[in-house]
Each structure stands twice: as structure tokens, then as C-alpha cells.
PDB file of N, CA and C in Angstrom:
ATOM      1  N   MET A   1      90.800 -88.411 -18.504  1.00  0.00           N
ATOM      2  CA  MET A   1      90.366 -89.609 -17.814  1.00  0.00           C
ATOM      3  C   MET A   1      90.451 -90.781 -18.784  1.00  0.00           C
ATOM      4  N   SER A   2      90.872 -91.915 -18.278  1.00  0.00           N
ATOM      5  CA  SER A   2      90.990 -93.108 -19.121  1.00  0.00           C
ATOM      6  C   SER A   2      89.646 -93.817 -19.242  1.00  0.00           C
ATOM      7  N   SER A   3      89.494 -94.565 -20.319  1.00  0.00           N
ATOM      8  CA  SER A   3      88.268 -95.350 -20.485  1.00  0.00           C
ATOM      9  C   SER A   3      88.177 -96.410 -19.393  1.00  0.00           C
ATOM     10  N   LYS A   4      89.316 -96.949 -18.960  1.00  0.00           N
ATOM     11  CA  LYS A   4      89.309 -97.954 -17.892  1.00  0.00           C
ATOM     12  C   LYS A   4      88.723 -97.367 -16.612  1.00  0.00           C
ATOM     13  N   LEU A   5      89.152 -96.168 -16.238  1.00  0.00           N
ATOM     14  CA  LEU A   5      88.625 -95.539 -15.028  1.00  0.00           C
ATOM     15  C   LEU A   5      87.139 -95.225 -15.181  1.00  0.00           C
ATOM     16  N   ALA A   6      86.744 -94.704 -16.335  1.00  0.00           N
ATOM     17  CA  ALA A   6      85.336 -94.376 -16.569  1.00  0.00           C
ATOM     18  C   ALA A   6      84.456 -95.619 -16.473  1.00  0.00           C
ATOM     19  N   LEU A   7      84.877 -96.703 -17.109  1.00  0.00           N
ATOM     20  CA  LEU A   7      84.082 -97.936 -17.067  1.00  0.00           C
ATOM     21  C   LEU A   7      84.083 -98.555 -15.676  1.00  0.00           C
ATOM     22  N   THR A   8      85.174 -98.407 -14.942  1.00  0.00           N
ATOM     23  CA  THR A   8      85.223 -98.917 -13.567  1.00  0.00           C
ATOM     24  C   THR A   8      84.255 -98.143 -12.682  1.00  0.00           C
ATOM     25  N   ILE A   9      84.295 -96.813 -12.771  1.00  0.00           N
ATOM     26  CA  ILE A   9      83.361 -95.990 -11.993  1.00  0.00           C
ATOM     27  C   ILE A   9      81.923 -96.314 -12.390  1.00  0.00           C
ATOM     28  N   GLY A  10      81.672 -96.412 -13.681  1.00  0.00           N
ATOM     29  CA  GLY A  10      80.331 -96.742 -14.158  1.00  0.00           C
ATOM     30  C   GLY A  10      79.863 -98.099 -13.688  1.00  0.00           C
ATOM     31  N   ALA A  11      80.779 -99.069 -13.675  1.00  0.00           N
ATOM     32  CA  ALA A  11      80.429-100.421 -13.227  1.00  0.00           C
ATOM     33  C   ALA A  11      80.032-100.420 -11.761  1.00  0.00           C
ATOM     34  N   VAL A  12      80.842 -99.784 -10.940  1.00  0.00           N
ATOM     35  CA  VAL A  12      80.566 -99.758  -9.499  1.00  0.00           C
ATOM     36  C   VAL A  12      79.250 -99.030  -9.222  1.00  0.00           C
ATOM     37  N   ALA A  13      79.055 -97.872  -9.854  1.00  0.00           N
ATOM     38  CA  ALA A  13      77.815 -97.117  -9.647  1.00  0.00           C
ATOM     39  C   ALA A  13      76.597 -97.920 -10.094  1.00  0.00           C
ATOM     40  N   ALA A  14      76.683 -98.552 -11.259  1.00  0.00           N
ATOM     41  CA  ALA A  14      75.545 -99.319 -11.779  1.00  0.00           C
ATOM     42  C   ALA A  14      75.210-100.500 -10.879  1.00  0.00           C
ATOM     43  N   VAL A  15      76.228-101.216 -10.421  1.00  0.00           N
ATOM     44  CA  VAL A  15      75.970-102.377  -9.563  1.00  0.00           C
ATOM     45  C   VAL A  15      75.400-101.931  -8.216  1.00  0.00           C
ATOM     46  N   LEU A  16      75.960-100.877  -7.623  1.00  0.00           N
ATOM     47  CA  LEU A  16      75.454-100.415  -6.326  1.00  0.00           C
ATOM     48  C   LEU A  16      74.005 -99.948  -6.418  1.00  0.00           C
ATOM     49  N   PHE A  17      73.702 -99.101  -7.398  1.00  0.00           N
ATOM     50  CA  PHE A  17      72.322 -98.642  -7.555  1.00  0.00           C
ATOM     51  C   PHE A  17      71.410 -99.786  -7.983  1.00  0.00           C
ATOM     52  N   GLY A  18      71.912-100.673  -8.823  1.00  0.00           N
ATOM     53  CA  GLY A  18      71.123-101.825  -9.244  1.00  0.00           C
ATOM     54  C   GLY A  18      70.749-102.726  -8.082  1.00  0.00           C
ATOM     55  N   LEU A  19      71.729-103.009  -7.234  1.00  0.00           N
ATOM     56  CA  LEU A  19      71.449-103.835  -6.053  1.00  0.00           C
ATOM     57  C   LEU A  19      70.427-103.163  -5.147  1.00  0.00           C
ATOM     58  N   ALA A  20      70.599-101.859  -4.930  1.00  0.00           N
ATOM     59  CA  ALA A  20      69.660-101.137  -4.071  1.00  0.00           C
ATOM     60  C   ALA A  20      68.245-101.164  -4.650  1.00  0.00           C
ATOM     61  N   LEU A  21      68.114-100.923  -5.952  1.00  0.00           N
ATOM     62  CA  LEU A  21      66.787-100.940  -6.579  1.00  0.00           C
ATOM     63  C   LEU A  21      66.171-102.334  -6.586  1.00  0.00           C
ATOM     64  N   ALA A  22      66.994-103.355  -6.768  1.00  0.00           N
ATOM     65  CA  ALA A  22      66.481-104.727  -6.829  1.00  0.00           C
ATOM     66  C   ALA A  22      66.137-105.273  -5.446  1.00  0.00           C
ATOM     67  N   LEU A  23      66.961-104.959  -4.454  1.00  0.00           N
ATOM     68  CA  LEU A  23      66.780-105.553  -3.129  1.00  0.00           C
ATOM     69  C   LEU A  23      65.950-104.700  -2.179  1.00  0.00           C
ATOM     70  N   PHE A  24      65.963-103.392  -2.371  1.00  0.00           N
ATOM     71  CA  PHE A  24      65.258-102.481  -1.465  1.00  0.00           C
ATOM     72  C   PHE A  24      64.395-101.486  -2.240  1.00  0.00           C
ATOM     73  N   PRO A  25      63.468-101.981  -3.051  1.00  0.00           N
ATOM     74  CA  PRO A  25      62.694-101.064  -3.900  1.00  0.00           C
ATOM     75  C   PRO A  25      61.867-100.054  -3.107  1.00  0.00           C
ATOM     76  N   GLU A  26      61.282-100.480  -1.997  1.00  0.00           N
ATOM     77  CA  GLU A  26      60.453 -99.550  -1.222  1.00  0.00           C
ATOM     78  C   GLU A  26      61.275 -98.382  -0.699  1.00  0.00           C
ATOM     79  N   GLN A  27      62.435 -98.690  -0.137  1.00  0.00           N
ATOM     80  CA  GLN A  27      63.283 -97.645   0.425  1.00  0.00           C
ATOM     81  C   GLN A  27      63.821 -96.714  -0.665  1.00  0.00           C
ATOM     82  N   MET A  28      64.218 -97.282  -1.799  1.00  0.00           N
ATOM     83  CA  MET A  28      64.752 -96.458  -2.884  1.00  0.00           C
ATOM     84  C   MET A  28      63.670 -95.541  -3.459  1.00  0.00           C
ATOM     85  N   LEU A  29      62.494 -96.079  -3.719  1.00  0.00           N
ATOM     86  CA  LEU A  29      61.421 -95.268  -4.293  1.00  0.00           C
ATOM     87  C   LEU A  29      60.959 -94.185  -3.325  1.00  0.00           C
ATOM     88  N   SER A  30      60.774 -94.550  -2.063  1.00  0.00           N
ATOM     89  CA  SER A  30      60.334 -93.548  -1.092  1.00  0.00           C
ATOM     90  C   SER A  30      61.422 -92.509  -0.848  1.00  0.00           C
ATOM     91  N   GLY A  31      62.692 -92.890  -0.990  1.00  0.00           N
ATOM     92  CA  GLY A  31      63.791 -91.940  -0.852  1.00  0.00           C
ATOM     93  C   GLY A  31      63.758 -90.852  -1.915  1.00  0.00           C
ATOM     94  N   PHE A  32      63.158 -91.158  -3.057  1.00  0.00           N
ATOM     95  CA  PHE A  32      62.994 -90.166  -4.116  1.00  0.00           C
ATOM     96  C   PHE A  32      61.629 -89.485  -4.027  1.00  0.00           C
ATOM     97  N   GLY A  33      60.907 -89.745  -2.939  1.00  0.00           N
ATOM     98  CA  GLY A  33      59.618 -89.108  -2.750  1.00  0.00           C
ATOM     99  C   GLY A  33      58.495 -89.733  -3.541  1.00  0.00           C
ATOM    100  N   LEU A  34      58.676 -90.973  -3.965  1.00  0.00           N
ATOM    101  CA  LEU A  34      57.668 -91.656  -4.772  1.00  0.00           C
ATOM    102  C   LEU A  34      56.872 -92.630  -3.919  1.00  0.00           C
ATOM    103  N   GLY A  35      55.650 -92.910  -4.357  1.00  0.00           N
ATOM    104  CA  GLY A  35      54.854 -93.947  -3.733  1.00  0.00           C
ATOM    105  C   GLY A  35      55.440 -95.308  -4.065  1.00  0.00           C
ATOM    106  N   VAL A  36      55.023 -96.309  -3.319  1.00  0.00           N
ATOM    107  CA  VAL A  36      55.597 -97.641  -3.529  1.00  0.00           C
ATOM    108  C   VAL A  36      54.533 -98.714  -3.761  1.00  0.00           C
ATOM    109  N   PRO A  37      53.647 -98.505  -4.749  1.00  0.00           N
ATOM    110  CA  PRO A  37      52.712 -99.585  -5.066  1.00  0.00           C
ATOM    111  C   PRO A  37      53.480-100.785  -5.610  1.00  0.00           C
ATOM    112  N   LYS A  38      52.830-101.918  -5.606  1.00  0.00           N
ATOM    113  CA  LYS A  38      53.479-103.163  -6.057  1.00  0.00           C
ATOM    114  C   LYS A  38      54.028-103.029  -7.479  1.00  0.00           C
ATOM    115  N   GLU A  39      53.288-102.331  -8.351  1.00  0.00           N
ATOM    116  CA  GLU A  39      53.745-102.165  -9.733  1.00  0.00           C
ATOM    117  C   GLU A  39      55.071-101.405  -9.799  1.00  0.00           C
ATOM    118  N   ALA A  40      55.221-100.402  -8.956  1.00  0.00           N
ATOM    119  CA  ALA A  40      56.472 -99.634  -8.929  1.00  0.00           C
ATOM    120  C   ALA A  40      57.616-100.484  -8.391  1.00  0.00           C
ATOM    121  N   GLN A  41      57.318-101.353  -7.433  1.00  0.00           N
ATOM    122  CA  GLN A  41      58.350-102.236  -6.893  1.00  0.00           C
ATOM    123  C   GLN A  41      58.826-103.229  -7.955  1.00  0.00           C
ATOM    124  N   VAL A  42      57.889-103.738  -8.747  1.00  0.00           N
ATOM    125  CA  VAL A  42      58.260-104.653  -9.837  1.00  0.00           C
ATOM    126  C   VAL A  42      59.180-103.934 -10.818  1.00  0.00           C
ATOM    127  N   LEU A  43      58.808-102.735 -11.221  1.00  0.00           N
ATOM    128  CA  LEU A  43      59.623-101.966 -12.158  1.00  0.00           C
ATOM    129  C   LEU A  43      60.986-101.625 -11.554  1.00  0.00           C
ATOM    130  N   SER A  44      61.008-101.290 -10.276  1.00  0.00           N
ATOM    131  CA  SER A  44      62.273-100.994  -9.602  1.00  0.00           C
ATOM    132  C   SER A  44      63.210-102.195  -9.650  1.00  0.00           C
ATOM    133  N   ARG A  45      62.678-103.363  -9.366  1.00  0.00           N
ATOM    134  CA  ARG A  45      63.513-104.576  -9.415  1.00  0.00           C
ATOM    135  C   ARG A  45      64.007-104.849 -10.836  1.00  0.00           C
ATOM    136  N   ASP A  46      63.131-104.653 -11.820  1.00  0.00           N
ATOM    137  CA  ASP A  46      63.527-104.862 -13.224  1.00  0.00           C
ATOM    138  C   ASP A  46      64.645-103.902 -13.631  1.00  0.00           C
ATOM    139  N   VAL A  47      64.506-102.633 -13.276  1.00  0.00           N
ATOM    140  CA  VAL A  47      65.553-101.655 -13.576  1.00  0.00           C
ATOM    141  C   VAL A  47      66.825-102.014 -12.812  1.00  0.00           C
ATOM    142  N   GLY A  48      66.657-102.471 -11.581  1.00  0.00           N
ATOM    143  CA  GLY A  48      67.815-102.854 -10.774  1.00  0.00           C
ATOM    144  C   GLY A  48      68.639-103.957 -11.400  1.00  0.00           C
ATOM    145  N   VAL A  49      67.994-105.018 -11.846  1.00  0.00           N
ATOM    146  CA  VAL A  49      68.771-106.115 -12.443  1.00  0.00           C
ATOM    147  C   VAL A  49      69.365-105.695 -13.791  1.00  0.00           C
ATOM    148  N   THR A  50      68.686-104.798 -14.505  1.00  0.00           N
ATOM    149  CA  THR A  50      69.257-104.274 -15.749  1.00  0.00           C
ATOM    150  C   THR A  50      70.523-103.474 -15.454  1.00  0.00           C
ATOM    151  N   LEU A  51      70.491-102.648 -14.416  1.00  0.00           N
ATOM    152  CA  LEU A  51      71.685-101.889 -14.029  1.00  0.00           C
ATOM    153  C   LEU A  51      72.821-102.813 -13.591  1.00  0.00           C
ATOM    154  N   ILE A  52      72.488-103.870 -12.881  1.00  0.00           N
ATOM    155  CA  ILE A  52      73.524-104.834 -12.485  1.00  0.00           C
ATOM    156  C   ILE A  52      74.168-105.427 -13.735  1.00  0.00           C
ATOM    157  N   GLY A  53      73.359-105.786 -14.715  1.00  0.00           N
ATOM    158  CA  GLY A  53      73.897-106.311 -15.975  1.00  0.00           C
ATOM    159  C   GLY A  53      74.795-105.308 -16.673  1.00  0.00           C
ATOM    160  N   LEU A  54      74.387-104.038 -16.715  1.00  0.00           N
ATOM    161  CA  LEU A  54      75.216-102.993 -17.315  1.00  0.00           C
ATOM    162  C   LEU A  54      76.532-102.856 -16.556  1.00  0.00           C
ATOM    163  N   GLY A  55      76.451-102.934 -15.236  1.00  0.00           N
ATOM    164  CA  GLY A  55      77.668-102.859 -14.434  1.00  0.00           C
ATOM    165  C   GLY A  55      78.625-103.997 -14.728  1.00  0.00           C
ATOM    166  N   ILE A  56      78.091-105.187 -14.900  1.00  0.00           N
ATOM    167  CA  ILE A  56      78.931-106.347 -15.230  1.00  0.00           C
ATOM    168  C   ILE A  56      79.588-106.153 -16.595  1.00  0.00           C
ATOM    169  N   ILE A  57      78.826-105.681 -17.573  1.00  0.00           N
ATOM    170  CA  ILE A  57      79.386-105.421 -18.907  1.00  0.00           C
ATOM    171  C   ILE A  57      80.518-104.400 -18.812  1.00  0.00           C
ATOM    172  N   ASN A  58      80.272-103.294 -18.110  1.00  0.00           N
ATOM    173  CA  ASN A  58      81.306-102.265 -17.966  1.00  0.00           C
ATOM    174  C   ASN A  58      82.547-102.822 -17.271  1.00  0.00           C
ATOM    175  N   TRP A  59      82.346-103.607 -16.220  1.00  0.00           N
ATOM    176  CA  TRP A  59      83.471-104.169 -15.469  1.00  0.00           C
ATOM    177  C   TRP A  59      84.302-105.108 -16.344  1.00  0.00           C
ATOM    178  N   LEU A  60      83.635-105.980 -17.068  1.00  0.00           N
ATOM    179  CA  LEU A  60      84.358-106.951 -17.891  1.00  0.00           C
ATOM    180  C   LEU A  60      85.063-106.294 -19.075  1.00  0.00           C
ATOM    181  N   ALA A  61      84.581-105.143 -19.519  1.00  0.00           N
ATOM    182  CA  ALA A  61      85.180-104.469 -20.676  1.00  0.00           C
ATOM    183  C   ALA A  61      86.196-103.397 -20.290  1.00  0.00           C
ATOM    184  N   ARG A  62      86.391-103.164 -19.015  1.00  0.00           N
ATOM    185  CA  ARG A  62      87.207-102.028 -18.587  1.00  0.00           C
ATOM    186  C   ARG A  62      88.657-102.080 -19.049  1.00  0.00           C
ATOM    187  N   ASN A  63      89.201-103.256 -19.313  1.00  0.00           N
ATOM    188  CA  ASN A  63      90.597-103.380 -19.743  1.00  0.00           C
ATOM    189  C   ASN A  63      90.757-103.432 -21.257  1.00  0.00           C
ATOM    190  N   GLU A  64      89.651-103.390 -21.980  1.00  0.00           N
ATOM    191  CA  GLU A  64      89.701-103.489 -23.442  1.00  0.00           C
ATOM    192  C   GLU A  64      89.991-102.123 -24.060  1.00  0.00           C
ATOM    193  N   MET A  65      90.291-102.149 -25.352  1.00  0.00           N
ATOM    194  CA  MET A  65      90.558-100.909 -26.087  1.00  0.00           C
ATOM    195  C   MET A  65      89.914-101.011 -27.467  1.00  0.00           C
ATOM    196  N   GLY A  66      89.819 -99.879 -28.145  1.00  0.00           N
ATOM    197  CA  GLY A  66      89.344 -99.895 -29.516  1.00  0.00           C
ATOM    198  C   GLY A  66      87.890 -99.509 -29.677  1.00  0.00           C
ATOM    199  N   PRO A  67      87.321 -99.848 -30.846  1.00  0.00           N
ATOM    200  CA  PRO A  67      85.958 -99.431 -31.195  1.00  0.00           C
ATOM    201  C   PRO A  67      84.892 -99.941 -30.219  1.00  0.00           C
ATOM    202  N   ALA A  68      85.083-101.119 -29.672  1.00  0.00           N
ATOM    203  CA  ALA A  68      84.079-101.658 -28.746  1.00  0.00           C
ATOM    204  C   ALA A  68      83.995-100.811 -27.480  1.00  0.00           C
ATOM    205  N   VAL A  69      85.136-100.373 -26.981  1.00  0.00           N
ATOM    206  CA  VAL A  69      85.141 -99.531 -25.778  1.00  0.00           C
ATOM    207  C   VAL A  69      84.507 -98.177 -26.090  1.00  0.00           C
ATOM    208  N   ARG A  70      84.809 -97.647 -27.252  1.00  0.00           N
ATOM    209  CA  ARG A  70      84.194 -96.381 -27.667  1.00  0.00           C
ATOM    210  C   ARG A  70      82.668 -96.525 -27.698  1.00  0.00           C
ATOM    211  N   ALA A  71      82.187 -97.639 -28.228  1.00  0.00           N
ATOM    212  CA  ALA A  71      80.745 -97.893 -28.277  1.00  0.00           C
ATOM    213  C   ALA A  71      80.157 -97.972 -26.871  1.00  0.00           C
ATOM    214  N   LEU A  72      80.854 -98.629 -25.961  1.00  0.00           N
ATOM    215  CA  LEU A  72      80.379 -98.716 -24.578  1.00  0.00           C
ATOM    216  C   LEU A  72      80.331 -97.340 -23.920  1.00  0.00           C
ATOM    217  N   LEU A  73      81.350 -96.535 -24.140  1.00  0.00           N
ATOM    218  CA  LEU A  73      81.369 -95.188 -23.568  1.00  0.00           C
ATOM    219  C   LEU A  73      80.222 -94.346 -24.116  1.00  0.00           C
ATOM    220  N   ILE A  74      79.981 -94.431 -25.418  1.00  0.00           N
ATOM    221  CA  ILE A  74      78.881 -93.678 -26.033  1.00  0.00           C
ATOM    222  C   ILE A  74      77.535 -94.167 -25.495  1.00  0.00           C
ATOM    223  N   GLY A  75      77.360 -95.476 -25.404  1.00  0.00           N
ATOM    224  CA  GLY A  75      76.112 -96.026 -24.872  1.00  0.00           C
ATOM    225  C   GLY A  75      75.866 -95.615 -23.433  1.00  0.00           C
ATOM    226  N   ASN A  76      76.908 -95.678 -22.615  1.00  0.00           N
ATOM    227  CA  ASN A  76      76.781 -95.260 -21.219  1.00  0.00           C
ATOM    228  C   ASN A  76      76.491 -93.767 -21.114  1.00  0.00           C
ATOM    229  N   ALA A  77      77.168 -92.958 -21.926  1.00  0.00           N
ATOM    230  CA  ALA A  77      76.919 -91.515 -21.915  1.00  0.00           C
ATOM    231  C   ALA A  77      75.477 -91.228 -22.335  1.00  0.00           C
ATOM    232  N   PHE A  78      74.996 -91.942 -23.355  1.00  0.00           N
ATOM    233  CA  PHE A  78      73.611 -91.745 -23.796  1.00  0.00           C
ATOM    234  C   PHE A  78      72.633 -92.024 -22.658  1.00  0.00           C
ATOM    235  N   ILE A  79      72.836 -93.125 -21.944  1.00  0.00           N
ATOM    236  CA  ILE A  79      71.939 -93.465 -20.829  1.00  0.00           C
ATOM    237  C   ILE A  79      71.884 -92.314 -19.832  1.00  0.00           C
ATOM    238  N   GLN A  80      73.046 -91.785 -19.467  1.00  0.00           N
ATOM    239  CA  GLN A  80      73.090 -90.720 -18.462  1.00  0.00           C
ATOM    240  C   GLN A  80      72.467 -89.423 -18.977  1.00  0.00           C
ATOM    241  N   ILE A  81      72.753 -89.067 -20.219  1.00  0.00           N
ATOM    242  CA  ILE A  81      72.189 -87.838 -20.793  1.00  0.00           C
ATOM    243  C   ILE A  81      70.676 -87.974 -20.952  1.00  0.00           C
ATOM    244  N   ALA A  82      70.220 -89.129 -21.421  1.00  0.00           N
ATOM    245  CA  ALA A  82      68.778 -89.354 -21.580  1.00  0.00           C
ATOM    246  C   ALA A  82      68.071 -89.311 -20.228  1.00  0.00           C
ATOM    247  N   GLU A  83      68.668 -89.923 -19.213  1.00  0.00           N
ATOM    248  CA  GLU A  83      68.080 -89.882 -17.867  1.00  0.00           C
ATOM    249  C   GLU A  83      68.045 -88.451 -17.336  1.00  0.00           C
ATOM    250  N   LEU A  84      69.102 -87.692 -17.606  1.00  0.00           N
ATOM    251  CA  LEU A  84      69.158 -86.297 -17.180  1.00  0.00           C
ATOM    252  C   LEU A  84      68.026 -85.496 -17.819  1.00  0.00           C
ATOM    253  N   VAL A  85      67.819 -85.680 -19.107  1.00  0.00           N
ATOM    254  CA  VAL A  85      66.756 -84.958 -19.821  1.00  0.00           C
ATOM    255  C   VAL A  85      65.378 -85.402 -19.328  1.00  0.00           C
ATOM    256  N   VAL A  86      65.155 -86.707 -19.280  1.00  0.00           N
ATOM    257  CA  VAL A  86      63.838 -87.225 -18.884  1.00  0.00           C
ATOM    258  C   VAL A  86      63.524 -86.858 -17.438  1.00  0.00           C
ATOM    259  N   ASN A  87      64.452 -87.139 -16.526  1.00  0.00           N
ATOM    260  CA  ASN A  87      64.201 -86.827 -15.116  1.00  0.00           C
ATOM    261  C   ASN A  87      64.120 -85.322 -14.878  1.00  0.00           C
ATOM    262  N   GLY A  88      64.923 -84.544 -15.606  1.00  0.00           N
ATOM    263  CA  GLY A  88      64.841 -83.086 -15.483  1.00  0.00           C
ATOM    264  C   GLY A  88      63.469 -82.576 -15.880  1.00  0.00           C
ATOM    265  N   TRP A  89      62.945 -83.108 -16.984  1.00  0.00           N
ATOM    266  CA  TRP A  89      61.600 -82.727 -17.415  1.00  0.00           C
ATOM    267  C   TRP A  89      60.563 -83.170 -16.380  1.00  0.00           C
ATOM    268  N   GLU A  90      60.722 -84.383 -15.839  1.00  0.00           N
ATOM    269  CA  GLU A  90      59.761 -84.890 -14.857  1.00  0.00           C
ATOM    270  C   GLU A  90      59.761 -84.050 -13.582  1.00  0.00           C
ATOM    271  N   VAL A  91      60.925 -83.603 -13.139  1.00  0.00           N
ATOM    272  CA  VAL A  91      60.991 -82.729 -11.964  1.00  0.00           C
ATOM    273  C   VAL A  91      60.346 -81.384 -12.292  1.00  0.00           C
ATOM    274  N   ALA A  92      60.695 -80.808 -13.444  1.00  0.00           N
ATOM    275  CA  ALA A  92      60.141 -79.506 -13.838  1.00  0.00           C
ATOM    276  C   ALA A  92      58.625 -79.561 -13.999  1.00  0.00           C
ATOM    277  N   ALA A  93      58.104 -80.688 -14.484  1.00  0.00           N
ATOM    278  CA  ALA A  93      56.661 -80.838 -14.699  1.00  0.00           C
ATOM    279  C   ALA A  93      55.920 -81.249 -13.433  1.00  0.00           C
ATOM    280  N   GLY A  94      56.652 -81.507 -12.354  1.00  0.00           N
ATOM    281  CA  GLY A  94      56.019 -81.915 -11.107  1.00  0.00           C
ATOM    282  C   GLY A  94      55.650 -83.382 -11.052  1.00  0.00           C
ATOM    283  N   ILE A  95      56.115 -84.159 -12.010  1.00  0.00           N
ATOM    284  CA  ILE A  95      55.846 -85.600 -12.021  1.00  0.00           C
ATOM    285  C   ILE A  95      56.720 -86.289 -10.982  1.00  0.00           C
ATOM    286  N   LEU A  96      57.968 -85.870 -10.906  1.00  0.00           N
ATOM    287  CA  LEU A  96      58.878 -86.326  -9.856  1.00  0.00           C
ATOM    288  C   LEU A  96      58.972 -85.222  -8.816  1.00  0.00           C
ATOM    289  N   PRO A  97      58.970 -85.580  -7.534  1.00  0.00           N
ATOM    290  CA  PRO A  97      59.107 -84.552  -6.501  1.00  0.00           C
ATOM    291  C   PRO A  97      60.497 -83.915  -6.531  1.00  0.00           C
ATOM    292  N   GLY A  98      60.599 -82.726  -5.973  1.00  0.00           N
ATOM    293  CA  GLY A  98      61.854 -81.993  -5.963  1.00  0.00           C
ATOM    294  C   GLY A  98      63.008 -82.745  -5.344  1.00  0.00           C
ATOM    295  N   GLN A  99      62.725 -83.609  -4.370  1.00  0.00           N
ATOM    296  CA  GLN A  99      63.817 -84.342  -3.722  1.00  0.00           C
ATOM    297  C   GLN A  99      64.505 -85.316  -4.675  1.00  0.00           C
ATOM    298  N   ALA A 100      63.896 -85.607  -5.804  1.00  0.00           N
ATOM    299  CA  ALA A 100      64.527 -86.475  -6.806  1.00  0.00           C
ATOM    300  C   ALA A 100      65.541 -85.714  -7.649  1.00  0.00           C
ATOM    301  N   ALA A 101      65.571 -84.388  -7.521  1.00  0.00           N
ATOM    302  CA  ALA A 101      66.477 -83.570  -8.333  1.00  0.00           C
ATOM    303  C   ALA A 101      67.942 -83.882  -8.056  1.00  0.00           C
ATOM    304  N   GLY A 102      68.258 -84.401  -6.889  1.00  0.00           N
ATOM    305  CA  GLY A 102      69.638 -84.770  -6.589  1.00  0.00           C
ATOM    306  C   GLY A 102      70.182 -85.799  -7.559  1.00  0.00           C
ATOM    307  N   GLY A 103      69.317 -86.647  -8.063  1.00  0.00           N
ATOM    308  CA  GLY A 103      69.734 -87.649  -9.036  1.00  0.00           C
ATOM    309  C   GLY A 103      70.204 -87.032 -10.340  1.00  0.00           C
ATOM    310  N   LEU A 104      69.737 -85.820 -10.636  1.00  0.00           N
ATOM    311  CA  LEU A 104      70.161 -85.138 -11.857  1.00  0.00           C
ATOM    312  C   LEU A 104      71.660 -84.857 -11.827  1.00  0.00           C
ATOM    313  N   VAL A 105      72.160 -84.495 -10.656  1.00  0.00           N
ATOM    314  CA  VAL A 105      73.593 -84.221 -10.515  1.00  0.00           C
ATOM    315  C   VAL A 105      74.393 -85.490 -10.787  1.00  0.00           C
ATOM    316  N   LEU A 106      73.927 -86.602 -10.259  1.00  0.00           N
ATOM    317  CA  LEU A 106      74.616 -87.875 -10.485  1.00  0.00           C
ATOM    318  C   LEU A 106      74.652 -88.213 -11.977  1.00  0.00           C
ATOM    319  N   HIS A 107      73.529 -88.040 -12.668  1.00  0.00           N
ATOM    320  CA  HIS A 107      73.499 -88.324 -14.106  1.00  0.00           C
ATOM    321  C   HIS A 107      74.446 -87.399 -14.870  1.00  0.00           C
ATOM    322  N   LEU A 108      74.506 -86.141 -14.474  1.00  0.00           N
ATOM    323  CA  LEU A 108      75.405 -85.195 -15.133  1.00  0.00           C
ATOM    324  C   LEU A 108      76.865 -85.592 -14.921  1.00  0.00           C
ATOM    325  N   VAL A 109      77.217 -85.922 -13.686  1.00  0.00           N
ATOM    326  CA  VAL A 109      78.600 -86.321 -13.379  1.00  0.00           C
ATOM    327  C   VAL A 109      78.972 -87.582 -14.146  1.00  0.00           C
ATOM    328  N   LEU A 110      78.097 -88.572 -14.152  1.00  0.00           N
ATOM    329  CA  LEU A 110      78.399 -89.809 -14.875  1.00  0.00           C
ATOM    330  C   LEU A 110      78.495 -89.568 -16.383  1.00  0.00           C
ATOM    331  N   ALA A 111      77.655 -88.695 -16.914  1.00  0.00           N
ATOM    332  CA  ALA A 111      77.746 -88.381 -18.349  1.00  0.00           C
ATOM    333  C   ALA A 111      79.116 -87.798 -18.675  1.00  0.00           C
ATOM    334  N   VAL A 112      79.582 -86.882 -17.853  1.00  0.00           N
ATOM    335  CA  VAL A 112      80.904 -86.282 -18.076  1.00  0.00           C
ATOM    336  C   VAL A 112      81.992 -87.342 -17.967  1.00  0.00           C
ATOM    337  N   ILE A 113      81.866 -88.229 -16.979  1.00  0.00           N
ATOM    338  CA  ILE A 113      82.858 -89.300 -16.801  1.00  0.00           C
ATOM    339  C   ILE A 113      82.947 -90.167 -18.052  1.00  0.00           C
ATOM    340  N   PHE A 114      81.817 -90.464 -18.676  1.00  0.00           N
ATOM    341  CA  PHE A 114      81.828 -91.300 -19.886  1.00  0.00           C
ATOM    342  C   PHE A 114      82.238 -90.523 -21.135  1.00  0.00           C
ATOM    343  N   LEU A 115      81.992 -89.223 -21.166  1.00  0.00           N
ATOM    344  CA  LEU A 115      82.341 -88.427 -22.348  1.00  0.00           C
ATOM    345  C   LEU A 115      83.828 -88.062 -22.397  1.00  0.00           C
ATOM    346  N   LEU A 116      84.436 -87.824 -21.254  1.00  0.00           N
ATOM    347  CA  LEU A 116      85.842 -87.404 -21.237  1.00  0.00           C
ATOM    348  C   LEU A 116      86.785 -88.363 -21.959  1.00  0.00           C
ATOM    349  N   PRO A 117      86.693 -89.675 -21.725  1.00  0.00           N
ATOM    350  CA  PRO A 117      87.634 -90.567 -22.411  1.00  0.00           C
ATOM    351  C   PRO A 117      87.388 -90.694 -23.915  1.00  0.00           C
ATOM    352  N   LEU A 118      86.233 -90.232 -24.393  1.00  0.00           N
ATOM    353  CA  LEU A 118      85.948 -90.335 -25.832  1.00  0.00           C
ATOM    354  C   LEU A 118      86.908 -89.488 -26.660  1.00  0.00           C
ATOM    355  N   ARG A 119      87.516 -88.514 -26.041  1.00  0.00           N
ATOM    356  CA  ARG A 119      88.499 -87.701 -26.764  1.00  0.00           C
ATOM    357  C   ARG A 119      89.714 -88.532 -27.158  1.00  0.00           C
ATOM    358  N   ARG A 120      89.950 -89.624 -26.386  1.00  0.00           N
ATOM    359  CA  ARG A 120      91.123 -90.462 -26.652  1.00  0.00           C
ATOM    360  C   ARG A 120      90.769 -91.840 -27.180  1.00  0.00           C
ATOM    361  N   ALA A 121      89.523 -92.275 -26.980  1.00  0.00           N
ATOM    362  CA  ALA A 121      89.145 -93.654 -27.354  1.00  0.00           C
ATOM    363  C   ALA A 121      88.922 -93.786 -28.848  1.00  0.00           C
TER     364      ALA A 121
END
């Protein structure tokens, strides 16, 4: 897989999830089986705009090459692996409901997408 394809997929995923978290926090949180107090909605919006920013960075860098792209791929892979570990622990500990486990698959797939081009970057 090319770094361009990985960053493009990452950009689209980040912007889509970011928009959903920022614009529809109640629906997104309840979809994962979480309560939706005002504090959680604030955090959801904050995470959403951060994801949108990450998506913009990935999109703008998708045609670049060299050490900067390698750094972006490593950073993106770290985010996905860290989320996989943290959310996996939260599901196992009962902090996150079981219906949130589907997100683990997404984090795993995205981690692989970002790691594959590192063999060539």
C-alpha cells in the first residue's frame, strides 16, 4: 500500500468521524452505549475537531514523500494502536459497553493501513 493511499484513507476516516463527533455528539456517544451528559458532549466535540484537524493534515500531506510522511504514518499508527489498547482495556474492564468493541476492529484496520506503507517510506 502506498503512503498516499494510507493518508487519503486516514484523512477521510478522521474527517468523517470528526464531523460526526463534533456535530452529533449525543448520537455518537449513545451509539457506543455511553451516557450523554453535557461534559461528555463537550469532550466529544473537542475530540471531533481534533480529528478533523488530523484529517486535514493527512489530506494535505498525502502527495508528499520522505521523512515527514514517515513521521505522519508513524504518528497515525500510534494513535490507532494506542486507541486499540486503551479501548480494548476499557471494554475488558467493563468501562466501555460491549457494543463499543466494534470500534476496536476499525482501530486495528487503520493501524495496519498506516503500518503497511512504512516498509517503503
